[in-house]
Protein backbone atom coordinates (compact mmCIF):
# COMPACT_ATOMS: atom_id res chain seq x y z
CA MET A 1 -22.67 -6.37 9.11
CA ALA A 2 -19.74 -5.09 10.95
CA ILE A 3 -16.59 -3.86 9.04
CA THR A 4 -13.04 -3.11 9.79
CA LYS A 5 -12.48 0.56 8.94
CA PRO A 6 -9.10 2.33 9.35
CA LYS A 7 -8.84 5.52 11.38
CA ILE A 8 -6.90 8.22 9.65
CA ASN A 9 -5.62 11.37 11.03
CA PRO A 10 -7.72 14.34 10.07
CA GLN A 11 -4.80 16.30 8.93
CA PHE A 12 -4.49 13.95 5.87
CA ALA A 13 -8.20 14.51 4.99
CA ASP A 14 -7.12 16.35 1.77
CA ILE A 15 -5.24 13.42 0.36
CA VAL A 16 -7.60 10.67 1.44
CA ILE A 17 -10.24 9.18 -1.05
CA ASP A 18 -12.74 7.27 0.93
CA LYS A 19 -15.68 7.20 -1.35
CA PRO A 20 -16.33 6.88 -5.12
CA ASN A 21 -15.92 10.26 -6.55
CA LYS A 22 -14.36 11.60 -9.91
CA VAL A 23 -10.65 12.10 -9.23
CA LYS A 24 -8.26 14.30 -11.21
CA LEU A 25 -4.60 13.88 -10.37
CA ALA A 26 -3.86 17.27 -11.76
CA LYS A 27 -5.69 18.36 -8.65
CA HIS A 28 -3.33 16.49 -6.25
CA PRO A 29 -0.19 18.14 -6.01
CA ALA A 30 2.94 15.75 -6.19
CA ASP A 31 4.74 18.20 -3.92
CA TYR A 32 3.54 18.36 -0.20
CA LYS A 33 2.64 21.72 0.96
CA ALA A 34 5.24 23.24 -1.41
CA LYS A 35 4.86 26.72 -0.13
CA GLU A 36 5.12 25.85 3.53
CA VAL A 37 8.32 23.67 2.68
CA LYS A 38 9.81 26.19 0.61
CA LYS A 39 9.31 29.00 3.24
CA SER A 40 10.84 26.70 6.11
CA GLY A 41 13.57 25.37 4.05
CA LYS A 42 14.10 21.80 2.67
CA LYS A 43 16.63 20.94 5.37
CA LYS A 44 14.14 21.84 8.06
CA ALA A 45 11.43 19.92 6.30
CA HIS A 46 13.52 16.84 5.92
CA ASP A 47 14.62 16.92 9.55
CA PHE A 48 11.01 17.02 10.85
CA ALA A 49 10.07 14.35 8.25
CA SER A 50 12.80 12.17 9.52
CA GLU A 51 11.61 12.77 13.19
CA VAL A 52 8.06 11.81 12.17
CA LEU A 53 9.29 8.76 10.43
CA GLU A 54 11.20 7.55 13.36
CA GLN A 55 8.51 8.23 15.74
CA SER A 56 5.94 6.44 13.61
CA ARG A 57 8.33 3.47 13.04
CA GLU A 58 8.68 3.04 16.76
CA ALA A 59 4.83 3.38 17.11
CA LEU A 60 4.39 0.83 14.25
CA ILE A 61 6.60 -1.66 15.88
CA SER A 62 4.77 -1.40 19.24
CA ALA A 63 1.44 -1.68 17.40
CA HIS A 64 2.57 -4.63 15.32
CA GLU A 65 3.82 -6.39 18.46
CA LYS A 66 0.20 -6.20 19.96
CA LEU A 67 -1.30 -7.18 16.60
CA TRP A 68 0.85 -10.20 16.23
CA ALA A 69 0.20 -11.24 19.95
CA CYS A 70 -3.70 -10.99 19.93
CA LYS A 71 -4.20 -12.43 16.45
CA LYS A 72 -7.48 -10.43 16.20
CA TYR A 73 -7.01 -8.38 12.97
CA GLY A 74 -4.58 -8.55 9.97
CA VAL A 75 -3.46 -5.59 7.94
CA LEU A 76 -3.17 -5.36 4.16
CA ILE A 77 -1.04 -2.46 2.64
CA VAL A 78 -1.28 -1.76 -0.95
CA LEU A 79 1.33 0.26 -2.52
CA GLN A 80 1.12 1.61 -6.12
CA GLY A 81 2.59 4.17 -8.08
CA MET A 82 4.27 4.99 -11.46
CA ASP A 83 7.89 3.51 -12.08
CA THR A 84 10.51 5.24 -9.85
CA ALA A 85 7.77 6.36 -7.37
CA GLY A 86 9.68 5.00 -4.60
CA LYS A 87 7.63 1.85 -3.51
CA ASP A 88 10.84 -0.25 -2.62
CA GLY A 89 12.38 2.48 -0.52
CA THR A 90 9.25 3.19 1.33
CA ILE A 91 8.76 -0.29 2.42
CA ARG A 92 12.53 -0.64 3.55
CA HIS A 93 12.42 2.64 5.78
CA ILE A 94 9.00 1.98 7.17
CA LEU A 95 9.26 -1.80 8.11
CA SER A 96 12.76 -1.62 9.45
CA GLY A 97 12.73 -3.20 12.89
CA ILE A 98 9.29 -4.99 12.65
CA ASN A 99 9.16 -8.60 13.70
CA PRO A 100 9.61 -10.56 10.36
CA GLN A 101 7.42 -13.36 11.81
CA GLY A 102 4.33 -11.29 11.41
CA CYS A 103 5.37 -9.18 8.45
CA ARG A 104 5.58 -9.98 4.68
CA VAL A 105 6.16 -8.26 1.49
CA GLN A 106 4.46 -9.70 -1.51
CA GLY A 107 5.42 -8.79 -5.02
CA PHE A 108 3.80 -9.88 -8.02
CA LYS A 109 5.71 -10.62 -11.21
CA VAL A 110 4.27 -11.46 -14.89
CA PRO A 111 1.53 -13.93 -14.34
CA THR A 112 2.35 -17.55 -14.91
CA ALA A 113 0.49 -19.85 -17.11
CA GLU A 114 -1.36 -21.23 -14.25
CA GLU A 115 -2.19 -17.82 -12.88
CA HIS A 116 -3.60 -16.63 -16.28
CA ALA A 117 -5.77 -19.87 -16.41
CA HIS A 118 -7.58 -18.46 -13.19
CA ASN A 119 -9.65 -15.46 -12.41
CA PHE A 120 -7.69 -12.26 -12.20
CA LEU A 121 -7.97 -12.05 -8.31
CA TRP A 122 -6.93 -15.68 -7.68
CA ARG A 123 -3.14 -15.27 -7.14
CA TYR A 124 -3.87 -12.18 -4.71
CA GLN A 125 -6.44 -14.03 -2.82
CA LYS A 126 -3.95 -16.79 -1.96
CA VAL A 127 -1.46 -14.35 -0.05
CA VAL A 128 -3.79 -11.88 1.81
CA PRO A 129 -2.67 -11.50 5.55
CA SER A 130 -3.74 -13.85 8.35
CA ARG A 131 -4.74 -12.31 11.58
CA GLY A 132 -1.72 -10.96 13.21
CA GLU A 133 0.06 -10.36 10.05
CA VAL A 134 0.97 -7.08 8.28
CA VAL A 135 1.25 -7.86 4.44
CA VAL A 136 2.46 -5.02 2.02
CA PHE A 137 1.40 -5.66 -1.66
CA ASN A 138 4.26 -4.08 -3.67
CA ARG A 139 2.07 -3.66 -6.73
CA SER A 140 -1.20 -5.37 -6.57
CA HIS A 141 -4.52 -6.56 -7.83
CA TYR A 142 -4.79 -3.04 -9.27
CA GLU A 143 -2.25 -3.86 -11.89
CA ASP A 144 -5.24 -5.71 -13.40
CA VAL A 145 -6.85 -2.50 -14.14
CA LEU A 146 -3.75 -0.62 -14.90
CA ALA A 147 -1.06 -2.53 -16.96
CA VAL A 148 -3.62 -4.73 -18.32
CA LYS A 149 -5.86 -1.65 -19.32
CA VAL A 150 -2.84 0.03 -20.89
CA HIS A 151 -1.76 -3.22 -22.41
CA PRO A 152 -4.70 -5.47 -23.34
CA GLU A 153 -2.40 -8.11 -24.50
CA TYR A 154 -1.45 -8.86 -20.90
CA MET A 155 -4.99 -10.02 -20.22
CA GLU A 156 -5.70 -13.45 -18.70
CA GLN A 157 -7.46 -16.07 -20.78
CA LEU A 158 -11.08 -15.25 -21.08
CA PRO A 159 -13.96 -16.63 -23.20
CA ALA A 160 -14.52 -14.28 -26.22
CA GLU A 161 -17.95 -13.14 -25.11
CA LEU A 162 -16.37 -12.08 -21.83
CA SER A 163 -13.66 -10.06 -23.23
CA VAL A 164 -13.39 -6.18 -23.11
CA ALA A 165 -14.15 -6.05 -26.98
CA LYS A 166 -17.61 -7.61 -26.24
CA ASN A 167 -18.34 -6.19 -22.96
CA LYS A 168 -18.81 -2.51 -22.63
CA ARG A 169 -18.99 -2.70 -18.90
CA PHE A 170 -15.78 -4.78 -18.69
CA TRP A 171 -13.70 -2.25 -16.63
CA GLN A 172 -16.62 -1.18 -14.50
CA GLU A 173 -17.42 -4.77 -13.51
CA ARG A 174 -13.57 -5.42 -12.66
CA TYR A 175 -13.90 -2.41 -10.40
CA GLU A 176 -16.89 -4.00 -8.77
CA ASP A 177 -14.94 -7.28 -8.41
CA ILE A 178 -12.15 -5.44 -6.63
CA ASN A 179 -14.56 -3.51 -4.50
CA ALA A 180 -16.19 -6.82 -3.49
CA PHE A 181 -12.92 -8.52 -2.63
CA GLU A 182 -11.75 -5.64 -0.32
CA ARG A 183 -15.09 -5.56 1.24
CA HIS A 184 -14.89 -9.12 2.00
CA LEU A 185 -11.47 -8.76 3.63
CA ALA A 186 -12.69 -5.82 5.75
CA ARG A 187 -15.71 -7.91 6.98
CA SER A 188 -13.23 -10.75 7.85
CA GLY A 189 -11.14 -8.41 10.12
CA ILE A 190 -8.48 -7.36 7.66
CA MET A 191 -7.82 -3.72 7.51
CA VAL A 192 -7.07 -2.37 4.17
CA LEU A 193 -5.07 0.64 3.57
CA LYS A 194 -4.00 1.70 -0.10
CA PHE A 195 -1.38 4.17 -1.00
CA PHE A 196 -0.68 5.64 -4.36
CA LEU A 197 2.79 7.35 -4.48
CA HIS A 198 1.97 10.35 -6.80
CA ILE A 199 5.10 11.75 -8.58
CA SER A 200 5.18 14.19 -11.54
CA LYS A 201 6.44 13.34 -14.80
CA ASP A 202 9.44 15.62 -14.45
CA GLU A 203 10.39 13.80 -11.27
CA GLN A 204 10.30 10.62 -12.87
CA LYS A 205 12.47 11.91 -15.55
CA ASN A 206 14.94 13.23 -13.05
CA ARG A 207 15.07 9.90 -11.18
CA LEU A 208 15.53 7.95 -14.33
CA LEU A 209 18.33 10.33 -15.44
CA GLU A 210 20.01 9.89 -12.03
CA ARG A 211 20.03 6.08 -12.44
CA LEU A 212 21.41 6.35 -16.04
CA THR A 213 24.06 8.77 -14.88
CA ILE A 214 25.42 6.78 -11.81
CA GLU A 215 26.74 3.37 -12.59
CA ASP A 216 26.06 1.97 -9.20
CA LYS A 217 22.38 2.69 -9.97
CA TYR A 218 22.26 0.96 -13.42
CA TRP A 219 20.75 -2.23 -11.92
CA LYS A 220 17.74 -0.17 -11.02
CA VAL A 221 16.71 0.74 -14.51
CA SER A 222 15.55 -1.41 -17.57
CA PRO A 223 14.84 -0.70 -21.13
CA ALA A 224 11.14 -1.57 -20.07
CA ASP A 225 10.98 1.32 -17.72
CA LEU A 226 11.92 3.85 -20.39
CA LYS A 227 9.44 2.22 -22.79
CA GLU A 228 6.69 2.32 -20.25
CA ARG A 229 7.18 6.14 -19.83
CA GLN A 230 5.75 6.79 -23.27
CA PHE A 231 2.38 5.53 -21.77
CA TRP A 232 2.47 7.95 -18.92
CA ASP A 233 -0.92 9.76 -19.96
CA ASP A 234 -2.54 6.22 -20.32
CA TYR A 235 -1.51 5.19 -16.95
CA THR A 236 -2.48 8.49 -15.43
CA ALA A 237 -6.02 7.95 -16.98
CA ALA A 238 -6.17 4.43 -15.61
CA TYR A 239 -5.21 5.60 -12.21
CA GLU A 240 -7.75 8.48 -12.19
CA ASP A 241 -10.49 5.70 -13.09
CA LEU A 242 -9.46 3.32 -10.34
CA LEU A 243 -9.02 6.02 -7.70
CA SER A 244 -12.39 7.28 -8.69
CA GLU A 245 -14.07 3.85 -8.38
CA THR A 246 -12.42 2.04 -5.74
CA GLY A 247 -11.87 4.36 -2.65
CA HIS A 248 -14.14 3.36 0.42
CA GLU A 249 -14.23 4.04 3.98
CA HIS A 250 -13.03 0.43 4.77
CA ALA A 251 -10.58 0.57 1.96
CA PRO A 252 -9.42 4.13 1.44
CA TRP A 253 -6.82 5.55 -1.08
CA ILE A 254 -4.25 7.97 0.26
CA VAL A 255 -2.71 9.83 -2.59
CA VAL A 256 0.71 10.68 -1.20
CA PRO A 257 2.70 13.52 -2.48
CA ALA A 258 5.86 11.65 -3.32
CA ASN A 259 8.26 14.01 -5.23
CA ASP A 260 10.26 14.19 -2.00
CA LYS A 261 10.94 10.61 -0.77
CA LYS A 262 11.65 11.70 2.88
CA ILE A 263 8.26 13.37 3.26
CA ALA A 264 6.50 10.64 1.52
CA ARG A 265 7.94 7.88 3.71
CA ALA A 266 6.93 10.08 6.78
CA ILE A 267 3.46 10.25 5.63
CA VAL A 268 2.90 6.68 4.92
CA ALA A 269 4.51 5.67 8.05
CA HIS A 270 2.44 7.98 10.15
CA VAL A 271 -0.85 6.92 8.61
CA ILE A 272 -0.05 3.02 9.01
CA ALA A 273 1.07 3.51 12.61
CA ASP A 274 -2.06 5.49 13.54
CA ALA A 275 -4.32 3.19 11.73
CA ILE A 276 -2.98 0.03 13.42
CA ASN A 277 -2.92 1.74 16.82
CA GLY A 278 -6.73 2.47 16.12
CA LEU A 279 -7.67 -0.99 16.26
CA ASP A 280 -9.04 -2.77 19.41
CA ILE A 281 -5.75 -4.81 20.09
CA ASP A 282 -3.86 -5.53 23.14
CA PHE A 283 -1.65 -8.25 24.47
CA PRO A 284 -3.62 -11.36 25.65
CA LYS A 285 -4.78 -11.38 29.18
CA LEU A 286 -3.88 -14.46 31.29
CA SER A 287 -5.76 -16.12 33.78
CA ASN A 288 -4.91 -16.15 37.48
CA GLU A 289 -4.15 -19.95 37.05
CA GLU A 290 -1.73 -19.21 34.01
CA ILE A 291 0.01 -16.50 35.91
CA ALA A 292 0.54 -18.82 38.98
CA GLU A 293 1.84 -21.46 36.81
CA LEU A 294 4.26 -19.08 35.21
CA LYS A 295 5.45 -17.91 38.58
CA GLN A 296 5.98 -21.46 39.79
CA SER A 297 7.91 -22.13 36.61
CA LYS A 298 10.20 -19.26 37.50
CA ILE A 299 10.86 -20.63 40.99
CA ASN A 300 11.58 -24.09 39.53
CA LEU A 301 14.21 -22.51 37.01
CA GLU A 302 15.75 -20.68 39.95
CA LYS A 303 16.54 -23.81 42.03
């Protein structure tokens, strides 16, 4: 059966996970090409990143216009990362200028009682993109193999015999459910791109300290953020497990070195723009009769 696969520039091959394979985040630097950036200088690197971001944003605006016009494919972008990884800023910088009619950012808060009474994918299935849409999941269905894995008390209601305690393959089966969900989307014409914004523990510390030092940024931090930091190793292990199990050609993970926000945004924008432009999309072609009717309408308006 045919399946929608994103086309990703080969220059990013070393940060793409497109098949199940054991992943260790220690082998994925959180700094992008640190030696080259240091050699060229951070300002030059940032200037280049800003240029790439702007070019990619313009390419994305153009590609999205065709996507929205032809209503052939939809695009689901999944953004994940530790607290302070820069998800909100990435969304704000990349989607600036896109037609809001065909673009939606979907966040997910603590599940409601109704959501907890359903299967864990229920609330995500309801808000996947329609054809023509770009939808960004700011956090996503992966929280159900992340936060729930680190904090089992967050688990939805399940019969006792189906619980983690009774089922040794619980998490493996949950990865299988996610893989089936994303495969179904890809088979339905929804292109799936998943980004993990990878920052170091030291970088998270610096960002939290900045927020706690500058009063105008107090609103960005909560006691819960600081509490969750103590589970860094648990979250890292959970991310390594899901990255190892859920990367596929039709739904790849891109492990974005995100210690430098400007470089991270440029990478994400570049990948998304290339992938959408790689789809078979164009503006709808009008028939000769439709064109003649529009020309006549123009003449009538000019009278």
